[in-house]
């Protein structure tokens, strides 16, 4: 039976990729709107492709260098798997973003011709390509390496995924925030023109940033966590069962991840909205359906593999924690709840009180997810009685990554569609529809970030536990009284703040150059604000 079930993972991985291709064709066949809309969409796609091309050229040097080092100091098999992991991560981000830049203009056109429901369908379909590419390529790589019976190759694949995620998430994030700040500060604040006004030279860069940061970047980020969770669970599964690599402990997380793909495909058909309904309800329905399917399957296969339900409770703990973190994030970021409304009220007294209340809400929003993750770790450990439960909790949280990434990637597509509607001069009712989709997209994007952080925390813990098991770290006798351990804790706690400071400083510098370029164009091309001259969207002054 085990020999047959093992093929469930690669088969359903291929199903995910085929479903992504189907959704890509569905988006491509939709009408792209007027010539003006297509011109703007082409500019966004060109900018996004140019950014990724530049980024991938740098990544190619890094990948080749690390491939050589792994080949020399470890073995060629691990190096090849590292290369596969890096290529799969790049591929997931590239194809997902490519379809997203096609879906934005078609979402705007659907809002113009058919209304809310059709626009929601196209935007979500565009996001589904990203989600299915992430889980399809991630599980395909893990499952094929699993079949080779060489556990060490898994770590090479995971390292490849992690390396690309660092560059894609940070590089894309710096670009998108710099463009966003530059476009808003000069256009909206200094000159007083609307957001997404085509007279603003940075408006295309802003839309490009949504794709490279929030689609390709987020996809690579969750690809890393997804692969890391599976690898850690496989490693600990072998140690827990004490049997061959194809034992129940290693196969169970693969099967749950495979069922998660099937659940995400099924749940995508439940994302349907009505003309006067809140699209967020339709998106949440997809998440709830996929989670319910995975929860049921976890109990069924736990009974088959282990003769009991204890492993299913670990999966369920991660699954529930992921859902609740998403809900908590919604409460703190959605305009329907008190936190955002209080910040809006503070804006009546000036920018200073708005900033203070916003930072306060942001800081206050962190403690509930931390408590939830801690509870999830405790329950998952108690369920199995060993560290394997923690790794299963990470797999459970990430089992519905396909639908989670789809919902998250929907946000930038909806945002871009509103910009295209504004720049194309479409009827105001079109912008009303896209603004409603965008408002929901802002919340889903925040939920995606919360999910990514929560899953990364569980995955990092699971990977550390796997590493400790592989090198017999418990025998070393690590003690909190050891000065080296204390130093390590202090340095480790400091690094996120130092890294965040460097990242924000990069955003500040890039935004400053963006602002100067926009000011230059307003100053040297006075016809822009009168609508008599076209901004230079392709200027590279702010990049030098």
Protein backbone atom coordinates (compact mmCIF):
# COMPACT_ATOMS: atom_id res chain seq x y z
CA UNK A 1 0.00 0.00 0.00
CA UNK A 2 2.84 2.37 0.87
CA UNK A 3 4.40 1.86 -2.55
CA UNK A 4 1.20 3.07 -4.21
CA UNK A 5 0.45 5.98 -1.85
CA UNK A 6 3.95 7.37 -2.36
CA UNK A 7 2.97 8.36 -5.92
CA UNK A 8 0.07 10.49 -4.67
CA UNK A 9 2.36 13.45 -4.02
CA UNK A 10 4.04 13.75 -7.45
CA UNK A 11 0.75 13.04 -9.25
CA UNK A 12 -1.15 15.76 -7.40
CA UNK A 13 1.83 18.10 -7.89
CA UNK A 14 1.38 17.70 -11.63
CA UNK A 15 -2.36 18.26 -11.17
CA UNK A 16 -1.57 21.59 -9.48
CA UNK A 17 0.64 22.66 -12.37
CA UNK A 18 -1.99 21.64 -14.91
CA UNK A 19 -4.62 23.58 -12.97
CA UNK A 20 -2.29 26.59 -12.99
CA UNK A 21 -1.99 26.27 -16.78
CA UNK A 22 -5.79 26.06 -17.07
CA UNK A 23 -6.23 29.22 -14.98
CA UNK A 24 -3.56 31.00 -17.01
CA UNK A 25 -5.41 30.20 -20.24
CA UNK A 26 -8.71 31.34 -18.67
CA UNK A 27 -7.14 34.71 -17.83
CA UNK A 28 -5.45 35.08 -21.22
CA UNK A 29 -8.69 34.43 -23.13
CA UNK A 30 -10.55 37.21 -21.29
CA UNK A 31 -10.85 40.52 -23.22
CA UNK A 32 -8.06 42.99 -22.44
CA UNK A 33 -10.08 46.18 -22.94
CA UNK A 34 -9.33 49.32 -24.91
CA UNK A 35 -6.07 50.19 -26.63
CA UNK A 36 -5.25 52.64 -23.85
CA UNK A 37 -5.78 49.96 -21.19
CA UNK A 38 -3.58 47.52 -23.07
CA UNK A 39 -0.87 50.16 -23.49
CA UNK A 40 -0.75 50.79 -19.74
CA UNK A 41 -0.82 47.06 -18.93
CA UNK A 42 2.05 46.48 -21.38
CA UNK A 43 4.11 49.17 -19.62
CA UNK A 44 3.52 47.48 -16.24
CA UNK A 45 4.42 44.05 -17.63
CA UNK A 46 7.54 45.43 -19.31
CA UNK A 47 8.70 47.08 -16.10
CA UNK A 48 8.06 43.96 -14.03
CA UNK A 49 9.93 41.73 -16.50
CA UNK A 50 12.82 44.19 -16.61
CA UNK A 51 13.11 44.15 -12.82
CA UNK A 52 13.05 40.36 -12.60
CA UNK A 53 15.55 40.04 -15.45
CA UNK A 54 17.98 42.33 -13.62
CA UNK A 55 17.42 40.49 -10.35
CA UNK A 56 17.85 37.05 -11.91
CA UNK A 57 21.13 38.06 -13.55
CA UNK A 58 22.56 38.76 -10.10
CA UNK A 59 21.00 35.60 -8.71
CA UNK A 60 22.58 33.54 -11.49
CA UNK A 61 26.06 34.48 -10.25
CA UNK A 62 25.11 33.58 -6.68
CA UNK A 63 23.56 30.26 -7.73
CA UNK A 64 26.57 29.21 -9.82
CA UNK A 65 29.01 30.09 -7.02
CA UNK A 66 27.03 28.21 -4.36
CA UNK A 67 26.52 25.26 -6.70
CA UNK A 68 30.28 24.98 -7.10
CA UNK A 69 30.91 25.21 -3.34
CA UNK A 70 28.30 22.55 -2.53
CA UNK A 71 29.71 20.26 -5.22
CA UNK A 72 33.21 20.58 -3.79
CA UNK A 73 32.53 20.44 -0.05
CA UNK A 74 29.42 18.21 0.09
CA UNK A 75 28.53 16.25 -3.06
CA UNK A 76 27.27 16.76 -6.58
CA UNK A 77 23.84 15.25 -5.81
CA UNK A 78 23.08 17.86 -3.14
CA UNK A 79 24.36 20.59 -5.46
CA UNK A 80 22.02 19.47 -8.26
CA UNK A 81 19.07 19.47 -5.85
CA UNK A 82 20.07 22.96 -4.70
CA UNK A 83 20.00 24.06 -8.32
CA UNK A 84 16.57 22.47 -8.84
CA UNK A 85 15.23 24.20 -5.72
CA UNK A 86 16.51 27.57 -6.91
CA UNK A 87 15.14 27.12 -10.44
CA UNK A 88 11.74 25.97 -9.14
CA UNK A 89 11.52 28.98 -6.83
CA UNK A 90 12.40 31.35 -9.66
CA UNK A 91 9.96 29.59 -11.98
CA UNK A 92 7.07 29.83 -9.52
CA UNK A 93 7.61 33.56 -9.06
CA UNK A 94 8.15 34.27 -12.74
CA UNK A 95 5.11 32.41 -14.09
CA UNK A 96 2.87 33.66 -11.30
CA UNK A 97 3.87 37.27 -11.89
CA UNK A 98 3.62 36.88 -15.67
CA UNK A 99 -0.05 35.89 -15.38
CA UNK A 100 -0.71 38.54 -12.72
CA UNK A 101 0.39 41.27 -15.14
CA UNK A 102 -2.09 39.90 -17.66
CA UNK A 103 -4.92 39.58 -15.16
CA UNK A 104 -4.83 43.20 -13.98
CA UNK A 105 -6.08 44.79 -17.23
CA UNK A 106 -8.60 42.00 -17.77
CA UNK A 107 -9.95 42.52 -14.25
CA UNK A 108 -10.50 46.21 -15.02
CA UNK A 109 -12.19 45.35 -18.31
CA UNK A 110 -14.42 42.76 -16.60
CA UNK A 111 -15.45 45.38 -14.04
CA UNK A 112 -16.35 47.71 -16.92
CA UNK A 113 -18.29 45.17 -19.00
CA UNK A 114 -19.70 42.63 -16.53
CA UNK A 115 -19.40 43.89 -12.96
CA UNK A 116 -18.06 42.67 -9.64
CA UNK A 117 -18.43 38.89 -9.95
CA UNK A 118 -16.54 38.56 -13.24
CA UNK A 119 -13.82 40.93 -12.08
CA UNK A 120 -13.38 38.91 -8.87
CA UNK A 121 -13.19 35.68 -10.89
CA UNK A 122 -10.41 36.95 -13.14
CA UNK A 123 -8.39 38.52 -10.32
CA UNK A 124 -8.60 35.38 -8.20
CA UNK A 125 -7.78 33.15 -11.19
CA UNK A 126 -4.65 35.23 -11.79
CA UNK A 127 -3.65 34.74 -8.15
CA UNK A 128 -4.41 31.00 -8.37
CA UNK A 129 -1.62 30.56 -10.92
CA UNK A 130 0.90 31.82 -8.38
CA UNK A 131 -0.52 29.63 -5.62
CA UNK A 132 -0.61 26.45 -7.69
CA UNK A 133 2.89 27.00 -9.07
CA UNK A 134 4.24 27.37 -5.52
CA UNK A 135 2.71 24.15 -4.16
CA UNK A 136 3.03 22.20 -7.41
CA UNK A 137 6.73 22.84 -7.90
CA UNK A 138 7.49 22.65 -4.18
CA UNK A 139 5.88 19.27 -3.58
CA UNK A 140 7.05 17.91 -6.93
CA UNK A 141 10.66 18.55 -6.01
CA UNK A 142 10.33 17.12 -2.50
CA UNK A 143 8.41 14.03 -3.60
CA UNK A 144 10.78 13.14 -6.46
CA UNK A 145 13.80 13.50 -4.18
CA UNK A 146 11.95 11.41 -1.57
CA UNK A 147 11.63 8.58 -4.07
CA UNK A 148 15.44 8.51 -4.52
CA UNK A 149 15.82 7.44 -0.85
CA UNK A 150 18.58 10.00 -0.19
CA UNK A 151 17.56 12.30 2.64
CA UNK A 152 20.58 14.58 2.36
CA UNK A 153 19.47 15.73 -1.09
CA UNK A 154 16.37 17.24 0.52
CA UNK A 155 18.47 19.82 2.33
CA UNK A 156 20.02 20.94 -0.95
CA UNK A 157 16.58 21.48 -2.45
CA UNK A 158 15.44 23.41 0.62
CA UNK A 159 18.58 25.58 0.54
CA UNK A 160 17.92 26.48 -3.09
CA UNK A 161 14.36 27.55 -2.24
CA UNK A 162 15.51 29.58 0.77
CA UNK A 163 18.29 31.39 -1.11
CA UNK A 164 15.98 32.69 -3.81
CA UNK A 165 13.33 33.71 -1.28
CA UNK A 166 15.76 36.05 0.45
CA UNK A 167 16.57 37.97 -2.72
CA UNK A 168 13.05 37.94 -4.15
CA UNK A 169 11.29 39.04 -0.96
CA UNK A 170 13.72 41.75 0.09
CA UNK A 171 14.63 43.01 -3.38
CA UNK A 172 11.03 43.15 -4.56
CA UNK A 173 9.90 44.63 -1.25
CA UNK A 174 12.41 47.49 -1.38
CA UNK A 175 11.40 48.31 -4.94
CA UNK A 176 7.66 48.32 -4.30
CA UNK A 177 7.84 50.46 -1.16
CA UNK A 178 10.26 52.93 -2.74
CA UNK A 179 7.99 53.36 -5.76
CA UNK A 180 4.88 53.63 -3.59
CA UNK A 181 6.40 56.30 -1.34
CA UNK A 182 7.87 58.24 -4.26
CA UNK A 183 4.62 58.26 -6.23
CA UNK A 184 2.44 59.29 -3.29
CA UNK A 185 4.65 61.92 -1.67
CA UNK A 186 5.18 63.98 -4.80
CA UNK A 187 1.97 63.24 -6.68
CA UNK A 188 -0.68 63.23 -3.96
CA UNK A 189 0.97 65.35 -1.26
CA UNK A 190 3.05 67.93 -3.10
CA UNK A 191 1.22 68.38 -6.39
CA UNK A 192 -2.28 67.33 -5.32
CA UNK A 193 -3.13 64.98 -8.17
CA UNK A 194 -5.10 61.73 -7.55
CA UNK A 195 -3.51 58.39 -6.86
CA UNK A 196 -2.70 56.43 -10.04
CA UNK A 197 -2.93 59.61 -12.13
CA UNK A 198 -1.10 58.98 -15.44
CA UNK A 199 0.57 62.41 -15.14
CA UNK A 200 2.68 61.01 -12.28
CA UNK A 201 5.92 59.55 -13.73
CA UNK A 202 6.22 57.07 -10.83
CA UNK A 203 2.75 55.59 -11.17
CA UNK A 204 3.88 52.78 -13.48
CA UNK A 205 6.77 51.99 -11.13
CA UNK A 206 4.23 51.76 -8.29
CA UNK A 207 2.17 49.20 -10.21
CA UNK A 208 5.31 47.30 -11.20
CA UNK A 209 6.28 47.12 -7.53
CA UNK A 210 2.99 45.48 -6.62
CA UNK A 211 3.86 42.60 -8.93
CA UNK A 212 7.55 42.10 -8.16
CA UNK A 213 7.13 42.54 -4.41
CA UNK A 214 3.69 41.26 -3.47
CA UNK A 215 3.30 38.55 -6.13
CA UNK A 216 6.75 37.17 -7.04
CA UNK A 217 8.30 38.09 -3.68
CA UNK A 218 5.52 36.68 -1.52
CA UNK A 219 5.37 33.54 -3.68
CA UNK A 220 9.08 32.88 -3.20
CA UNK A 221 8.73 33.53 0.53
CA UNK A 222 5.97 30.96 0.99
CA UNK A 223 7.71 28.53 -1.42
CA UNK A 224 10.63 28.52 1.01
CA UNK A 225 8.42 27.92 4.06
CA UNK A 226 6.41 25.26 2.25
CA UNK A 227 9.49 23.28 1.22
CA UNK A 228 11.16 23.77 4.60
CA UNK A 229 8.13 22.45 6.48
CA UNK A 230 7.97 19.30 4.33
CA UNK A 231 11.71 18.66 4.60
CA UNK A 232 11.76 19.04 8.40
CA UNK A 233 8.74 16.76 8.81
CA UNK A 234 10.32 14.10 6.57
CA UNK A 235 13.56 14.23 8.55
CA UNK A 236 11.88 13.94 11.92
CA UNK A 237 9.50 11.32 10.55
CA UNK A 238 12.43 9.04 9.85
CA UNK A 239 13.89 9.62 13.31
CA UNK A 240 10.54 9.10 15.04
CA UNK A 241 9.62 5.82 13.38
CA UNK A 242 13.12 4.44 13.20
CA UNK A 243 12.34 2.74 9.92
CA UNK A 244 13.35 3.18 6.31
CA UNK A 245 13.00 6.52 4.60
CA UNK A 246 9.73 5.38 3.03
CA UNK A 247 8.19 4.69 6.45
CA UNK A 248 4.90 6.08 7.68
CA UNK A 249 6.54 8.97 9.56
CA UNK A 250 8.11 10.30 6.38
CA UNK A 251 5.20 9.54 4.05
CA UNK A 252 2.46 11.10 6.20
CA UNK A 253 3.51 14.77 5.73
CA UNK A 254 3.91 14.20 1.99
CA UNK A 255 0.40 12.82 1.75
CA UNK A 256 -1.06 15.72 3.78
CA UNK A 257 0.71 18.22 1.51
CA UNK A 258 -0.69 16.39 -1.53
CA UNK A 259 -4.22 16.43 -0.09
CA UNK A 260 -3.70 20.15 0.56
CA UNK A 261 -3.16 20.66 -3.16
CA UNK A 262 -6.34 18.78 -4.01
CA UNK A 263 -8.21 20.74 -1.34
CA UNK A 264 -6.96 24.05 -2.76
CA UNK A 265 -8.09 23.10 -6.27
CA UNK A 266 -11.55 22.12 -5.01
CA UNK A 267 -11.83 25.22 -2.79
CA UNK A 268 -11.04 27.55 -5.70
CA UNK A 269 -14.43 26.68 -7.22
CA UNK A 270 -16.14 28.00 -4.07
CA UNK A 271 -14.73 31.51 -4.59
CA UNK A 272 -17.79 33.08 -6.15
CA UNK A 273 -19.21 36.50 -5.35
CA UNK A 274 -22.39 38.40 -6.05
CA UNK A 275 -22.69 41.89 -7.45
CA UNK A 276 -23.61 43.55 -4.16
CA UNK A 277 -21.77 41.22 -1.80
CA UNK A 278 -18.45 41.59 -0.03
CA UNK A 279 -15.79 39.80 -2.13
CA UNK A 280 -13.87 39.05 1.05
CA UNK A 281 -16.57 36.57 2.08
CA UNK A 282 -16.08 34.64 -1.15
CA UNK A 283 -12.30 34.54 -0.66
CA UNK A 284 -12.63 33.37 2.94
CA UNK A 285 -14.98 30.60 1.84
CA UNK A 286 -12.18 29.16 -0.29
CA UNK A 287 -9.82 29.11 2.70
CA UNK A 288 -12.39 27.49 4.97
CA UNK A 289 -13.30 24.75 2.48
CA UNK A 290 -9.66 23.80 1.82
CA UNK A 291 -8.91 23.71 5.56
CA UNK A 292 -11.91 21.47 6.25
CA UNK A 293 -10.83 18.97 3.57
CA UNK A 294 -7.26 18.81 4.93
CA UNK A 295 -8.52 18.40 8.50
CA UNK A 296 -10.69 15.41 7.56
CA UNK A 297 -7.93 13.82 5.49
CA UNK A 298 -5.39 14.22 8.32
CA UNK A 299 -7.52 12.07 10.62
CA UNK A 300 -8.15 9.45 7.94
CA UNK A 301 -4.48 9.00 7.03
CA UNK A 302 -3.32 9.24 10.64
CA UNK A 303 -5.49 6.23 11.40
CA UNK A 304 -4.18 4.38 8.33
CA UNK A 305 -0.48 5.10 8.95
CA UNK A 306 -0.24 5.11 12.74
CA UNK A 307 -3.35 3.31 13.98
CA UNK A 308 -4.49 6.38 15.90
CA UNK A 309 -5.39 10.07 15.56
CA UNK A 310 -2.55 11.67 17.54
CA UNK A 311 -0.64 12.89 14.46
CA UNK A 312 -3.84 14.41 13.06
CA UNK A 313 -4.16 16.62 16.13
CA UNK A 314 -0.72 18.10 15.37
CA UNK A 315 -1.81 18.83 11.78
CA UNK A 316 -5.04 20.32 13.08
CA UNK A 317 -3.18 22.55 15.55
CA UNK A 318 -1.12 24.15 12.77
CA UNK A 319 -4.13 24.42 10.49
CA UNK A 320 -6.28 26.19 13.09
CA UNK A 321 -3.48 28.50 14.19
CA UNK A 322 -2.94 29.57 10.57
CA UNK A 323 -6.64 30.33 10.10
CA UNK A 324 -6.92 32.26 13.36
CA UNK A 325 -3.77 34.30 12.61
CA UNK A 326 -5.41 35.26 9.31
CA UNK A 327 -8.55 36.34 11.16
CA UNK A 328 -6.57 38.33 13.72
CA UNK A 329 -4.69 40.08 10.92
CA UNK A 330 -8.01 40.92 9.28
CA UNK A 331 -9.30 42.45 12.52
CA UNK A 332 -6.28 44.75 12.73
CA UNK A 333 -6.11 45.70 9.03
CA UNK A 334 -9.66 45.69 7.65
CA UNK A 335 -11.67 48.89 7.43
CA UNK A 336 -14.64 46.98 8.85
CA UNK A 337 -13.09 46.75 12.33
CA UNK A 338 -12.32 49.19 15.11
CA UNK A 339 -8.51 49.33 14.83
CA UNK A 340 -8.49 50.88 11.36
CA UNK A 341 -11.44 53.12 12.23
CA UNK A 342 -9.59 54.49 15.26
CA UNK A 343 -6.55 55.29 13.11
CA UNK A 344 -8.87 57.06 10.66
CA UNK A 345 -10.34 59.10 13.53
CA UNK A 346 -6.84 60.09 14.64
CA UNK A 347 -6.09 61.44 11.16
CA UNK A 348 -8.52 64.30 11.85
CA UNK A 349 -6.00 65.81 14.27
CA UNK A 350 -2.96 65.59 12.01
CA UNK A 351 -0.23 63.28 10.74
CA UNK A 352 1.57 62.95 14.08
CA UNK A 353 -1.39 61.36 15.88
CA UNK A 354 -2.08 59.15 12.87
CA UNK A 355 1.49 57.81 12.89
CA UNK A 356 1.43 57.23 16.65
CA UNK A 357 -1.90 55.39 16.60
CA UNK A 358 -0.84 53.36 13.56
CA UNK A 359 2.41 52.22 15.16
CA UNK A 360 0.52 51.41 18.37
CA UNK A 361 -1.99 49.25 16.52
CA UNK A 362 0.80 47.52 14.62
CA UNK A 363 2.69 46.69 17.79
CA UNK A 364 -0.48 45.59 19.57
CA UNK A 365 -1.32 43.24 16.71
CA UNK A 366 1.78 41.09 17.27
CA UNK A 367 1.06 39.54 20.64
CA UNK A 368 -1.97 37.44 19.70
CA UNK A 369 -0.18 35.63 16.81
CA UNK A 370 2.81 34.95 19.07
CA UNK A 371 0.53 33.45 21.73
CA UNK A 372 -1.28 31.42 19.08
CA UNK A 373 1.97 30.02 17.67
CA UNK A 374 3.09 29.11 21.20
CA UNK A 375 -0.21 27.32 21.85
CA UNK A 376 0.11 25.50 18.51
CA UNK A 377 3.63 24.35 19.40
CA UNK A 378 2.48 23.12 22.82
CA UNK A 379 -0.54 21.21 21.49
CA UNK A 380 1.32 19.66 18.55
CA UNK A 381 4.14 18.47 20.82
CA UNK A 382 1.74 17.01 23.37
CA UNK A 383 -0.24 15.23 20.65
CA UNK A 384 2.70 13.10 19.48
CA UNK A 385 4.84 13.25 22.60
CA UNK A 386 7.90 14.25 20.58
CA UNK A 387 9.28 16.97 18.30
CA UNK A 388 7.77 15.34 15.21
CA UNK A 389 4.46 16.94 16.18
CA UNK A 390 5.91 20.45 15.78
CA UNK A 391 7.03 19.66 12.24
CA UNK A 392 3.55 18.28 11.46
CA UNK A 393 2.01 21.50 12.77
CA UNK A 394 4.11 23.45 10.26
CA UNK A 395 2.95 21.12 7.48
CA UNK A 396 -0.64 21.57 8.62
CA UNK A 397 -0.39 25.34 8.56
CA UNK A 398 1.17 25.30 5.09
CA UNK A 399 -0.97 22.50 3.63
CA UNK A 400 -3.41 25.08 2.19
CA UNK A 401 -0.66 27.29 0.77
CA UNK A 402 -2.17 26.96 -2.71
CA UNK A 403 -5.37 28.80 -1.82
CA UNK A 404 -3.57 31.13 0.63
CA UNK A 405 -1.14 32.41 -2.00
CA UNK A 406 -4.00 32.71 -4.51
CA UNK A 407 -5.94 34.95 -2.12
CA UNK A 408 -2.81 36.96 -1.35
CA UNK A 409 -1.78 37.43 -4.99
CA UNK A 410 -5.33 38.53 -5.79
CA UNK A 411 -4.61 41.78 -3.91
CA UNK A 412 -1.91 43.25 -6.20
CA UNK A 413 -3.97 42.28 -9.26
CA UNK A 414 -7.00 44.15 -7.90
CA UNK A 415 -4.77 47.11 -7.01
CA UNK A 416 -3.30 47.22 -10.51
CA UNK A 417 -6.75 46.99 -12.07
CA UNK A 418 -7.81 50.14 -10.20
CA UNK A 419 -4.73 51.96 -11.42
CA UNK A 420 -5.39 50.93 -15.01
CA UNK A 421 -9.02 52.07 -14.70
CA UNK A 422 -7.87 55.46 -13.40
CA UNK A 423 -5.14 55.95 -15.99
CA UNK A 424 -7.44 54.85 -18.83
CA UNK A 425 -10.14 57.33 -17.87
CA UNK A 426 -12.84 54.68 -17.46
CA UNK A 427 -16.28 55.46 -16.09
CA UNK A 428 -16.26 56.19 -12.31
CA UNK A 429 -18.44 53.14 -11.58
CA UNK A 430 -15.57 50.93 -12.82
CA UNK A 431 -13.23 52.51 -10.29
CA UNK A 432 -15.84 51.95 -7.59
CA UNK A 433 -15.78 48.22 -8.33
CA UNK A 434 -11.99 48.02 -8.51
CA UNK A 435 -11.67 50.08 -5.32
CA UNK A 436 -13.91 47.61 -3.53
CA UNK A 437 -11.79 44.74 -4.80
CA UNK A 438 -8.63 46.64 -3.87
CA UNK A 439 -9.86 47.36 -0.33
CA UNK A 440 -10.34 43.63 0.19
CA UNK A 441 -6.98 43.01 -1.49
CA UNK A 442 -5.19 45.23 1.04
CA UNK A 443 -6.59 43.07 3.82
CA UNK A 444 -5.80 39.77 2.08
CA UNK A 445 -2.25 40.98 1.42
CA UNK A 446 -1.81 41.74 5.11
CA UNK A 447 -3.30 38.35 5.99
CA UNK A 448 -0.83 36.74 3.59
CA UNK A 449 2.06 38.45 5.34
CA UNK A 450 0.76 37.33 8.73
CA UNK A 451 0.42 33.79 7.45
CA UNK A 452 3.93 33.91 5.99
CA UNK A 453 5.40 35.09 9.28
CA UNK A 454 3.51 32.51 11.35
CA UNK A 455 4.41 29.66 9.03
CA UNK A 456 8.03 30.81 8.89
CA UNK A 457 8.21 30.71 12.69
CA UNK A 458 6.92 27.14 12.85
CA UNK A 459 9.05 26.06 9.89
CA UNK A 460 12.21 27.59 11.36
CA UNK A 461 11.59 25.80 14.65
CA UNK A 462 10.90 22.53 12.85
CA UNK A 463 14.07 22.88 10.77
CA UNK A 464 16.13 23.65 13.86
CA UNK A 465 14.71 20.59 15.58
CA UNK A 466 15.52 18.49 12.51
CA UNK A 467 19.07 19.84 12.49
CA UNK A 468 19.47 19.13 16.20
CA UNK A 469 18.31 15.56 15.65
CA UNK A 470 20.65 14.98 12.69
CA UNK A 471 23.78 16.22 14.52
CA UNK A 472 22.78 14.90 17.96
CA UNK A 473 22.74 18.39 19.36
CA UNK A 474 21.17 17.19 22.61
CA UNK A 475 24.36 15.27 23.38
CA UNK A 476 26.40 18.46 23.15
CA UNK A 477 24.72 19.82 26.26
CA UNK A 478 23.74 23.34 25.27
CA UNK A 479 23.11 25.38 28.42
CA UNK A 480 21.71 28.86 28.91
CA UNK A 481 24.48 29.37 31.46
CA UNK A 482 27.14 28.99 28.77
CA UNK A 483 28.42 32.44 27.78
CA UNK A 484 28.60 31.36 24.14
CA UNK A 485 24.92 30.45 24.16
CA UNK A 486 24.03 33.81 25.74
CA UNK A 487 26.08 35.64 23.11
CA UNK A 488 24.33 33.65 20.39
CA UNK A 489 20.91 34.53 21.79
CA UNK A 490 21.76 38.22 21.98
CA UNK A 491 23.18 38.34 18.46
CA UNK A 492 20.27 36.33 17.11
CA UNK A 493 17.74 38.64 18.75
CA UNK A 494 19.54 41.69 17.38
CA UNK A 495 19.82 40.52 13.78
CA UNK A 496 16.14 40.96 12.78
CA UNK A 497 16.23 44.57 13.98
CA UNK A 498 19.53 45.26 12.22
CA UNK A 499 18.30 43.64 9.01
CA UNK A 500 15.01 45.55 9.20
CA UNK A 501 16.88 48.82 9.71
CA UNK A 502 19.05 48.17 6.64
CA UNK A 503 15.98 47.27 4.58
CA UNK A 504 14.05 50.38 5.64
CA UNK A 505 17.12 52.51 4.96
CA UNK A 506 17.26 51.08 1.44
CA UNK A 507 13.60 51.96 0.95
CA UNK A 508 14.30 55.48 2.17
CA UNK A 509 17.22 55.98 -0.20
CA UNK A 510 15.37 54.52 -3.18
CA UNK A 511 12.24 56.56 -2.40
CA UNK A 512 14.31 59.74 -2.18
CA UNK A 513 15.71 59.16 -5.66
CA UNK A 514 12.23 58.33 -6.93
CA UNK A 515 10.91 61.60 -5.46
CA UNK A 516 13.71 63.63 -7.00
CA UNK A 517 13.03 62.10 -10.41
CA UNK A 518 9.30 62.87 -10.21
CA UNK A 519 10.04 66.45 -9.13
CA UNK A 520 12.49 66.83 -12.00
CA UNK A 521 9.92 65.76 -14.55
CA UNK A 522 7.26 68.08 -13.13
CA UNK A 523 9.83 70.90 -13.20
CA UNK A 524 11.34 70.29 -16.63
CA UNK A 525 8.20 69.08 -18.43
CA UNK A 526 5.50 71.55 -17.32
CA UNK A 527 2.97 70.15 -19.78
CA UNK A 528 2.60 66.99 -17.64
CA UNK A 529 0.24 68.53 -15.09
CA UNK A 530 -1.78 70.15 -17.86
CA UNK A 531 -2.19 66.82 -19.59
CA UNK A 532 -0.40 68.15 -22.66
CA UNK A 533 2.80 66.09 -22.29
CA UNK A 534 3.48 62.46 -21.42
CA UNK A 535 5.71 61.61 -18.44
CA UNK A 536 8.91 59.70 -19.06
CA UNK A 537 7.93 56.36 -17.48
CA UNK A 538 11.10 54.67 -18.67
CA UNK A 539 13.54 57.08 -17.00
CA UNK A 540 16.35 55.35 -15.10
CA UNK A 541 17.59 58.47 -13.36
CA UNK A 542 16.23 57.31 -10.00
CA UNK A 543 18.13 54.03 -10.33
CA UNK A 544 21.53 55.66 -10.68
